[in-house]
Amino acid sequence: MMHTAGEWAAGYEQLRDDDAELLYQHAPVGYLTVAPDGVIVKVNETFLRWTGHTREDLVDRRMFPDLLRSDGAEYYQSQLIPMLNRHGEVREVALDVRTANEGTLSVLVNATLARHEDGQPRLVRLAVMDATERREYERELVLSRHRAEVAQEQAVNLARTLQDTLLPPALPSIPGLGVAAVYRPAGDGSQVGGDFYDVFQVGPDDWVVVLGDVCGKGVRAAVVTSLVRHTLRAVTVMEADPARVLHRLNALMLEDREDDRFCTVILIRLTSTDEGWQVAMAAGGHAPPLLIRGRHVAPVPFEPGSLLGVFEDASYTSTTFALRSGDTLLLHTDGATEARHESEFFGDERLRKSVRKHEGSPDLVVNGVLADVLTFQDGVASDDIALVAVAVQ
């Protein structure tokens, strides 16, 4: 059925005049207002529908921490409230809310603190988002790790098949960005390498590009690679700051150390803006990416950060910068710069010259650089090589 211009205009005006109370009550997230002592003073219909509670059960009768599991209630009192008092807001805190039927609902909570004129806390506003699917993803991470450990028992002739599972089967199509990647295992490719890359979406116009290198080769290195890659996918959904993502990955690797495996990682988060793309980047022991802007090719200044899986007091810092139309970022593992011919390394300067020679689309850059590195080594890679190029179109 076709609508006339007048009908569309009338419908649009109705949307503009949508009732604010209806928007609050039936928002796609749960809303609660809580007194400083934790007593619930206001709640919307979305939260009630998700949890099965009634307004009469909650408002002025229950405290929000009472709706949480014991560990969540303790976290709310000992961590969340002090953070609110210091910073005025907290974001994406994972909690489990008790439902009316004695079940639990996994949620992410954003909170802001409103104060009286004298600075004393007046009320806490909570936005509660259903995180059930995210928790399922975390459980899938555990299963993925188990599957990777089972793969350790397989013979070496499964190496190529296993290697394929550590890389995305295809790169996504990203509006406004061109992306290309290549991977070349060391030697004849019969060993599973430790280099990996990934490109995935975490929100509207919000993408993550990861490149890393796990120490060693073989099936055990593949297990660590799988753990790292899937952990990064899970954590970046909940944590926007690349430096904090690497902190959490480092902590997990230290808890799970069955041998001395470690890795380097560079993680960039690209967010579309009106002027182009905003980049937030952090690295752990990894070389900086090259920024290609016209004929100018130079490494992006940044803090290199600590190796992952080695130091408990590891330090990581996020760097932000803008990409403009025509800019290209090239991420590379050390298999490119440390490629050897006799006693000579390919090195950073040759890499920059190769990039200039093959300027153009991301595909031209990564394939041209890979060809130059292999030619330098007489066609046999001494180490795994992974390259990822991202260009603003």
Protein backbone atom coordinates (compact mmCIF):
# COMPACT_ATOMS: atom_id res chain seq x y z
CA MET A 1 0.00 0.00 0.00
CA MET A 2 1.42 3.38 -1.04
CA HIS A 3 1.34 6.34 1.34
CA THR A 4 0.84 9.91 0.21
CA ALA A 5 3.28 12.66 1.15
CA GLY A 6 0.66 14.06 3.51
CA GLU A 7 0.28 10.73 5.30
CA TRP A 8 4.03 10.44 5.73
CA ALA A 9 4.20 13.98 7.10
CA ALA A 10 1.40 13.27 9.56
CA GLY A 11 3.10 10.08 10.73
CA TYR A 12 6.37 11.90 11.20
CA GLU A 13 4.69 14.59 13.28
CA GLN A 14 3.20 11.87 15.50
CA LEU A 15 6.66 10.48 16.08
CA ARG A 16 7.97 13.91 17.02
CA ASP A 17 5.16 14.31 19.52
CA ASP A 18 5.69 10.83 21.05
CA ASP A 19 4.86 10.86 24.76
CA ALA A 20 8.00 11.08 26.93
CA GLU A 21 6.51 8.87 29.65
CA LEU A 22 5.72 6.15 27.09
CA LEU A 23 9.27 6.36 25.79
CA TYR A 24 10.56 5.93 29.35
CA GLN A 25 8.25 3.07 30.26
CA HIS A 26 8.75 1.05 27.06
CA ALA A 27 12.35 1.90 26.20
CA PRO A 28 14.53 -0.93 24.81
CA VAL A 29 16.45 -0.88 28.12
CA GLY A 30 15.36 -1.12 31.73
CA TYR A 31 15.45 2.09 33.77
CA LEU A 32 15.57 2.39 37.54
CA THR A 33 16.01 5.33 39.88
CA VAL A 34 17.57 4.40 43.21
CA ALA A 35 18.00 6.40 46.41
CA PRO A 36 21.54 6.75 47.85
CA ASP A 37 20.74 3.95 50.32
CA GLY A 38 19.81 1.64 47.42
CA VAL A 39 15.99 1.77 47.74
CA ILE A 40 14.23 1.65 44.36
CA VAL A 41 12.07 4.75 43.90
CA LYS A 42 11.19 4.41 40.21
CA VAL A 43 11.27 1.63 37.61
CA ASN A 44 10.06 1.33 34.02
CA GLU A 45 7.85 -1.31 32.42
CA THR A 46 10.72 -2.81 30.42
CA PHE A 47 12.61 -3.83 33.56
CA LEU A 48 9.44 -5.22 35.12
CA ARG A 49 8.63 -7.23 31.97
CA TRP A 50 12.15 -8.66 31.76
CA THR A 51 12.29 -9.69 35.42
CA GLY A 52 8.65 -10.54 36.19
CA HIS A 53 8.57 -8.25 39.24
CA THR A 54 5.68 -5.87 39.86
CA ARG A 55 5.98 -2.19 40.60
CA GLU A 56 4.30 -2.74 43.95
CA ASP A 57 6.96 -5.32 44.88
CA LEU A 58 9.84 -2.99 44.14
CA VAL A 59 9.11 0.73 44.52
CA ASP A 60 9.82 1.97 48.04
CA ARG A 61 10.01 -1.67 49.23
CA ARG A 62 13.14 -3.29 47.78
CA MET A 63 16.76 -2.22 47.49
CA PHE A 64 18.44 -2.66 44.14
CA PRO A 65 21.35 -4.73 45.60
CA ASP A 66 18.70 -7.17 46.93
CA LEU A 67 17.83 -7.99 43.31
CA LEU A 68 21.41 -9.07 42.58
CA ARG A 69 23.22 -12.31 43.24
CA SER A 70 25.38 -12.17 46.37
CA ASP A 71 28.59 -11.44 44.45
CA GLY A 72 26.83 -8.73 42.45
CA ALA A 73 25.36 -7.14 45.57
CA GLU A 74 28.81 -7.04 47.15
CA TYR A 75 30.28 -5.51 44.00
CA TYR A 76 27.51 -2.89 43.91
CA GLN A 77 28.25 -1.76 47.46
CA SER A 78 32.05 -2.09 47.50
CA GLN A 79 32.96 -1.07 43.94
CA LEU A 80 30.15 0.48 41.91
CA ILE A 81 28.94 3.02 44.48
CA PRO A 82 32.50 4.24 45.31
CA MET A 83 33.21 4.61 41.58
CA LEU A 84 30.02 6.61 41.17
CA ASN A 85 31.01 8.87 44.05
CA ARG A 86 34.40 9.49 42.46
CA HIS A 87 33.50 9.81 38.78
CA GLY A 88 29.77 10.45 38.64
CA GLU A 89 29.15 7.56 36.23
CA VAL A 90 30.05 3.95 35.46
CA ARG A 91 29.54 2.03 32.25
CA GLU A 92 28.91 -1.56 31.18
CA VAL A 93 29.11 -3.31 34.56
CA ALA A 94 28.15 -6.99 34.18
CA LEU A 95 25.64 -8.16 36.81
CA ASP A 96 23.03 -10.89 37.27
CA VAL A 97 19.55 -9.73 38.33
CA ARG A 98 17.23 -12.09 40.21
CA THR A 99 13.89 -12.51 38.48
CA ALA A 100 10.54 -13.05 40.16
CA ASN A 101 10.56 -16.76 39.29
CA GLU A 102 13.92 -17.31 41.06
CA GLY A 103 15.85 -17.21 37.81
CA THR A 104 18.54 -14.75 36.78
CA LEU A 105 18.87 -12.22 33.97
CA SER A 106 22.38 -11.34 32.78
CA VAL A 107 22.62 -7.58 32.29
CA LEU A 108 25.04 -4.75 31.65
CA VAL A 109 24.45 -1.67 33.80
CA ASN A 110 25.26 1.97 33.13
CA ALA A 111 24.79 4.31 36.09
CA THR A 112 24.95 8.06 36.75
CA LEU A 113 24.91 9.89 40.06
CA ALA A 114 22.82 13.04 40.62
CA ARG A 115 23.86 15.32 43.50
CA HIS A 116 22.26 17.98 45.68
CA GLU A 117 23.55 21.54 45.44
CA ASP A 118 25.85 20.84 48.40
CA GLY A 119 27.44 17.94 46.51
CA GLN A 120 25.79 15.16 48.50
CA PRO A 121 24.37 12.18 46.56
CA ARG A 122 20.69 12.67 45.66
CA LEU A 123 19.86 9.64 43.52
CA VAL A 124 21.34 7.04 41.19
CA ARG A 125 19.94 6.47 37.70
CA LEU A 126 20.48 3.00 36.28
CA ALA A 127 20.13 1.83 32.67
CA VAL A 128 19.93 -1.97 32.49
CA MET A 129 20.63 -3.76 29.19
CA ASP A 130 19.83 -7.42 28.54
CA ALA A 131 23.22 -9.16 28.08
CA THR A 132 21.97 -12.72 27.77
CA GLU A 133 23.40 -13.16 24.28
CA ARG A 134 26.75 -11.71 25.35
CA ARG A 135 26.99 -14.17 28.21
CA GLU A 136 26.18 -16.96 25.77
CA TYR A 137 29.07 -15.71 23.69
CA GLU A 138 31.36 -15.94 26.71
CA ARG A 139 30.23 -19.51 27.29
CA GLU A 140 30.94 -20.22 23.64
CA LEU A 141 34.45 -18.91 24.27
CA VAL A 142 35.00 -21.65 26.86
CA LEU A 143 33.73 -24.26 24.41
CA SER A 144 35.99 -22.88 21.69
CA ARG A 145 38.98 -23.18 23.96
CA HIS A 146 38.06 -26.78 24.76
CA ARG A 147 37.78 -27.56 21.06
CA ALA A 148 41.20 -26.03 20.46
CA GLU A 149 42.71 -28.18 23.24
CA VAL A 150 41.19 -31.29 21.66
CA ALA A 151 42.85 -30.28 18.40
CA GLN A 152 46.23 -30.46 20.19
CA GLU A 153 45.98 -34.24 20.11
CA GLN A 154 45.64 -34.32 16.32
CA ALA A 155 48.49 -35.21 13.99
CA VAL A 156 50.60 -32.60 12.22
CA ASN A 157 48.86 -33.37 8.91
CA LEU A 158 45.84 -31.44 10.26
CA ALA A 159 47.96 -28.29 10.56
CA ARG A 160 46.63 -26.48 7.52
CA THR A 161 43.02 -27.18 8.45
CA LEU A 162 43.63 -25.96 11.98
CA GLN A 163 45.39 -22.84 10.70
CA ASP A 164 42.30 -21.94 8.70
CA THR A 165 40.19 -21.95 11.88
CA LEU A 166 42.45 -19.27 13.43
CA LEU A 167 41.77 -16.72 10.72
CA PRO A 168 38.45 -15.22 9.61
CA PRO A 169 37.08 -17.12 6.61
CA ALA A 170 36.41 -13.82 4.84
CA LEU A 171 36.90 -10.17 5.64
CA PRO A 172 33.71 -8.16 6.23
CA SER A 173 32.51 -5.44 3.90
CA ILE A 174 32.69 -2.13 5.80
CA PRO A 175 30.94 0.95 4.36
CA GLY A 176 33.52 3.70 3.93
CA LEU A 177 36.54 1.45 4.53
CA GLY A 178 38.58 -0.90 2.37
CA VAL A 179 40.17 -3.84 4.18
CA ALA A 180 42.62 -6.47 2.92
CA ALA A 181 44.77 -9.07 4.68
CA VAL A 182 47.30 -11.77 3.79
CA TYR A 183 48.87 -14.54 5.81
CA ARG A 184 51.88 -16.69 4.84
CA PRO A 185 53.10 -19.42 7.21
CA ALA A 186 56.81 -20.00 7.64
CA GLY A 187 58.69 -22.55 5.54
CA ASP A 188 56.52 -25.01 3.65
CA GLY A 189 53.45 -24.31 5.79
CA SER A 190 53.37 -27.73 7.46
CA GLN A 191 53.52 -26.17 10.94
CA VAL A 192 50.70 -24.17 12.50
CA GLY A 193 51.95 -20.62 12.88
CA GLY A 194 51.33 -18.13 15.66
CA ASP A 195 50.44 -15.07 13.57
CA PHE A 196 46.77 -14.15 13.41
CA TYR A 197 44.44 -11.32 12.46
CA ASP A 198 40.76 -10.55 12.86
CA VAL A 199 38.26 -7.90 11.73
CA PHE A 200 34.82 -7.70 13.31
CA GLN A 201 31.99 -5.32 14.18
CA VAL A 202 31.17 -4.33 17.76
CA GLY A 203 28.51 -1.70 17.13
CA PRO A 204 26.95 0.57 14.51
CA ASP A 205 29.84 2.15 12.57
CA ASP A 206 32.21 0.64 15.15
CA TRP A 207 34.81 -1.96 14.07
CA VAL A 208 37.82 -3.70 15.57
CA VAL A 209 40.96 -4.80 13.73
CA VAL A 210 43.40 -7.11 15.54
CA LEU A 211 46.82 -8.39 14.54
CA GLY A 212 49.01 -10.57 16.75
CA ASP A 213 51.85 -13.03 17.02
CA VAL A 214 51.88 -15.91 19.52
CA CYS A 215 55.30 -17.20 20.50
CA GLY A 216 56.19 -20.53 18.93
CA LYS A 217 54.53 -22.82 16.44
CA GLY A 218 52.60 -26.07 16.37
CA VAL A 219 49.34 -27.15 17.89
CA ARG A 220 50.02 -25.71 21.35
CA ALA A 221 50.66 -22.29 19.81
CA ALA A 222 47.36 -22.70 17.98
CA VAL A 223 45.56 -23.32 21.28
CA VAL A 224 46.94 -20.05 22.66
CA THR A 225 46.11 -18.25 19.40
CA SER A 226 42.52 -19.47 19.58
CA LEU A 227 42.25 -18.38 23.22
CA VAL A 228 43.64 -14.92 22.43
CA ARG A 229 41.50 -14.35 19.35
CA HIS A 230 38.22 -15.43 20.94
CA THR A 231 39.00 -13.56 24.17
CA LEU A 232 39.55 -10.35 22.21
CA ARG A 233 36.24 -10.85 20.41
CA ALA A 234 34.40 -11.36 23.70
CA VAL A 235 36.05 -8.55 25.66
CA THR A 236 35.85 -5.84 22.97
CA VAL A 237 32.07 -6.25 22.90
CA MET A 238 31.96 -5.12 26.54
CA GLU A 239 35.04 -2.88 26.79
CA ALA A 240 35.55 0.08 24.45
CA ASP A 241 39.06 1.13 25.56
CA PRO A 242 41.73 -0.92 23.70
CA ALA A 243 44.20 -0.57 26.58
CA ARG A 244 41.69 -2.06 29.04
CA VAL A 245 40.98 -4.89 26.59
CA LEU A 246 44.68 -5.80 26.58
CA HIS A 247 44.84 -5.59 30.39
CA ARG A 248 42.04 -8.17 30.62
CA LEU A 249 43.66 -10.40 28.01
CA ASN A 250 46.98 -10.25 29.86
CA ALA A 251 45.30 -11.20 33.15
CA LEU A 252 43.56 -14.17 31.52
CA MET A 253 46.78 -15.41 29.92
CA LEU A 254 48.61 -15.19 33.27
CA GLU A 255 45.87 -17.23 34.97
CA ASP A 256 45.96 -19.85 32.22
CA ARG A 257 49.69 -20.37 31.78
CA GLU A 258 50.41 -24.06 31.27
CA ASP A 259 53.68 -23.21 29.54
CA ASP A 260 55.71 -20.13 28.69
CA ARG A 261 53.67 -18.99 25.70
CA PHE A 262 53.27 -15.24 25.27
CA CYS A 263 52.16 -13.01 22.44
CA THR A 264 52.25 -9.55 20.93
CA VAL A 265 49.02 -7.84 19.86
CA ILE A 266 47.98 -4.59 18.24
CA LEU A 267 44.30 -3.69 18.53
CA ILE A 268 42.63 -0.76 16.79
CA ARG A 269 39.02 0.36 17.13
CA LEU A 270 37.61 2.40 14.25
CA THR A 271 34.53 4.56 14.76
CA SER A 272 32.89 6.45 11.92
CA THR A 273 32.51 10.22 12.40
CA ASP A 274 31.29 13.09 10.23
CA GLU A 275 34.92 13.96 9.41
CA GLY A 276 36.10 10.41 8.68
CA TRP A 277 37.15 7.66 11.10
CA GLN A 278 38.38 7.99 14.65
CA VAL A 279 40.97 5.42 15.70
CA ALA A 280 41.67 4.21 19.24
CA MET A 281 44.72 1.95 19.35
CA ALA A 282 46.72 0.00 21.91
CA ALA A 283 49.53 -2.51 21.55
CA GLY A 284 51.32 -5.07 23.65
CA GLY A 285 54.92 -5.59 22.52
CA HIS A 286 53.97 -5.06 18.88
CA ALA A 287 55.41 -2.83 16.17
CA PRO A 288 53.41 0.31 15.32
CA PRO A 289 51.28 0.37 12.17
CA LEU A 290 52.37 2.45 9.20
CA LEU A 291 50.21 5.43 8.28
CA ILE A 292 50.18 5.98 4.51
CA ARG A 293 49.08 9.51 3.66
CA GLY A 294 49.79 10.29 0.05
CA ARG A 295 53.48 9.58 -0.56
CA HIS A 296 54.27 9.98 3.15
CA VAL A 297 54.72 6.68 5.00
CA ALA A 298 55.58 6.71 8.70
CA PRO A 299 54.88 4.67 11.85
CA VAL A 300 52.09 5.94 14.07
CA PRO A 301 53.57 7.33 17.33
CA PHE A 302 52.37 5.27 20.27
CA GLU A 303 53.30 3.53 23.53
CA PRO A 304 54.42 -0.03 22.64
CA GLY A 305 53.10 -1.65 25.83
CA SER A 306 54.17 -4.91 27.49
CA LEU A 307 54.19 -8.40 26.06
CA LEU A 308 50.99 -10.27 26.88
CA GLY A 309 51.13 -13.25 29.22
CA VAL A 310 54.45 -12.31 30.87
CA PHE A 311 54.15 -9.46 33.40
CA GLU A 312 51.56 -9.03 36.15
CA ASP A 313 52.27 -5.28 36.24
CA ALA A 314 51.96 -4.92 32.46
CA SER A 315 51.24 -1.45 31.14
CA TYR A 316 49.10 -0.56 28.11
CA THR A 317 48.13 2.86 26.79
CA SER A 318 45.51 3.83 24.23
CA THR A 319 46.41 6.26 21.45
CA THR A 320 43.76 8.11 19.44
CA PHE A 321 44.01 9.77 16.05
CA ALA A 322 41.88 10.51 13.00
CA LEU A 323 41.96 8.91 9.56
CA ARG A 324 41.00 11.07 6.59
CA SER A 325 39.84 10.17 3.12
CA GLY A 326 42.68 8.48 1.25
CA ASP A 327 44.58 7.42 4.39
CA THR A 328 45.72 3.81 4.78
CA LEU A 329 46.93 1.94 7.87
CA LEU A 330 49.20 -1.09 7.41
CA LEU A 331 49.52 -3.50 10.34
CA HIS A 332 52.28 -6.11 10.13
CA THR A 333 53.91 -8.82 12.21
CA ASP A 334 57.67 -9.09 12.63
CA GLY A 335 57.79 -11.79 9.96
CA ALA A 336 57.98 -8.90 7.48
CA THR A 337 60.63 -6.65 9.02
CA GLU A 338 62.73 -9.52 10.44
CA ALA A 339 62.75 -11.52 7.21
CA ARG A 340 66.37 -12.54 6.56
CA HIS A 341 68.61 -12.96 3.56
CA GLU A 342 71.91 -14.37 4.79
CA SER A 343 72.86 -11.94 7.61
CA GLU A 344 70.67 -9.03 6.45
CA PHE A 345 67.14 -8.15 7.62
CA PHE A 346 64.38 -6.80 5.41
CA GLY A 347 63.96 -4.03 7.99
CA ASP A 348 61.75 -1.00 8.49
CA GLU A 349 63.20 1.11 5.67
CA ARG A 350 62.66 -1.59 3.03
CA LEU A 351 59.13 -2.04 4.33
CA ARG A 352 58.38 1.67 3.86
CA LYS A 353 59.88 1.64 0.36
CA SER A 354 57.78 -1.40 -0.52
CA VAL A 355 54.64 0.35 0.70
CA ARG A 356 55.39 3.41 -1.45
CA LYS A 357 56.02 1.19 -4.47
CA HIS A 358 52.68 -0.57 -4.09
CA GLU A 359 50.51 2.38 -3.05
CA GLY A 360 46.89 2.03 -4.03
CA SER A 361 44.11 -0.20 -2.77
CA PRO A 362 44.56 -2.27 0.42
CA ASP A 363 44.83 -5.41 -1.74
CA LEU A 364 47.69 -3.91 -3.76
CA VAL A 365 49.52 -2.88 -0.59
CA VAL A 366 49.37 -6.20 1.29
CA ASN A 367 50.03 -8.42 -1.73
CA GLY A 368 52.82 -6.19 -3.01
CA VAL A 369 54.58 -6.05 0.35
CA LEU A 370 54.23 -9.82 0.83
CA ALA A 371 55.73 -10.43 -2.61
CA ASP A 372 58.70 -8.17 -1.83
CA VAL A 373 59.35 -9.85 1.53
CA LEU A 374 59.25 -13.32 -0.03
CA THR A 375 61.50 -12.27 -2.91
CA PHE A 376 64.02 -10.94 -0.39
CA GLN A 377 64.08 -14.43 1.20
CA ASP A 378 64.32 -16.28 -2.12
CA GLY A 379 60.68 -17.35 -1.88
CA VAL A 380 60.89 -19.15 1.51
CA ALA A 381 59.50 -17.35 4.57
CA SER A 382 61.74 -17.71 7.63
CA ASP A 383 58.83 -16.75 9.89
CA ASP A 384 55.06 -16.35 9.62
CA ILE A 385 53.97 -13.15 7.89
CA ALA A 386 50.64 -11.42 8.47
CA LEU A 387 49.63 -8.06 6.96
CA VAL A 388 46.38 -6.12 7.29
CA ALA A 389 45.64 -2.85 5.46
CA VAL A 390 42.70 -0.55 6.22
CA ALA A 391 41.98 2.39 3.89
CA VAL A 392 39.47 5.24 4.19
CA GLN A 393 37.61 5.44 0.91
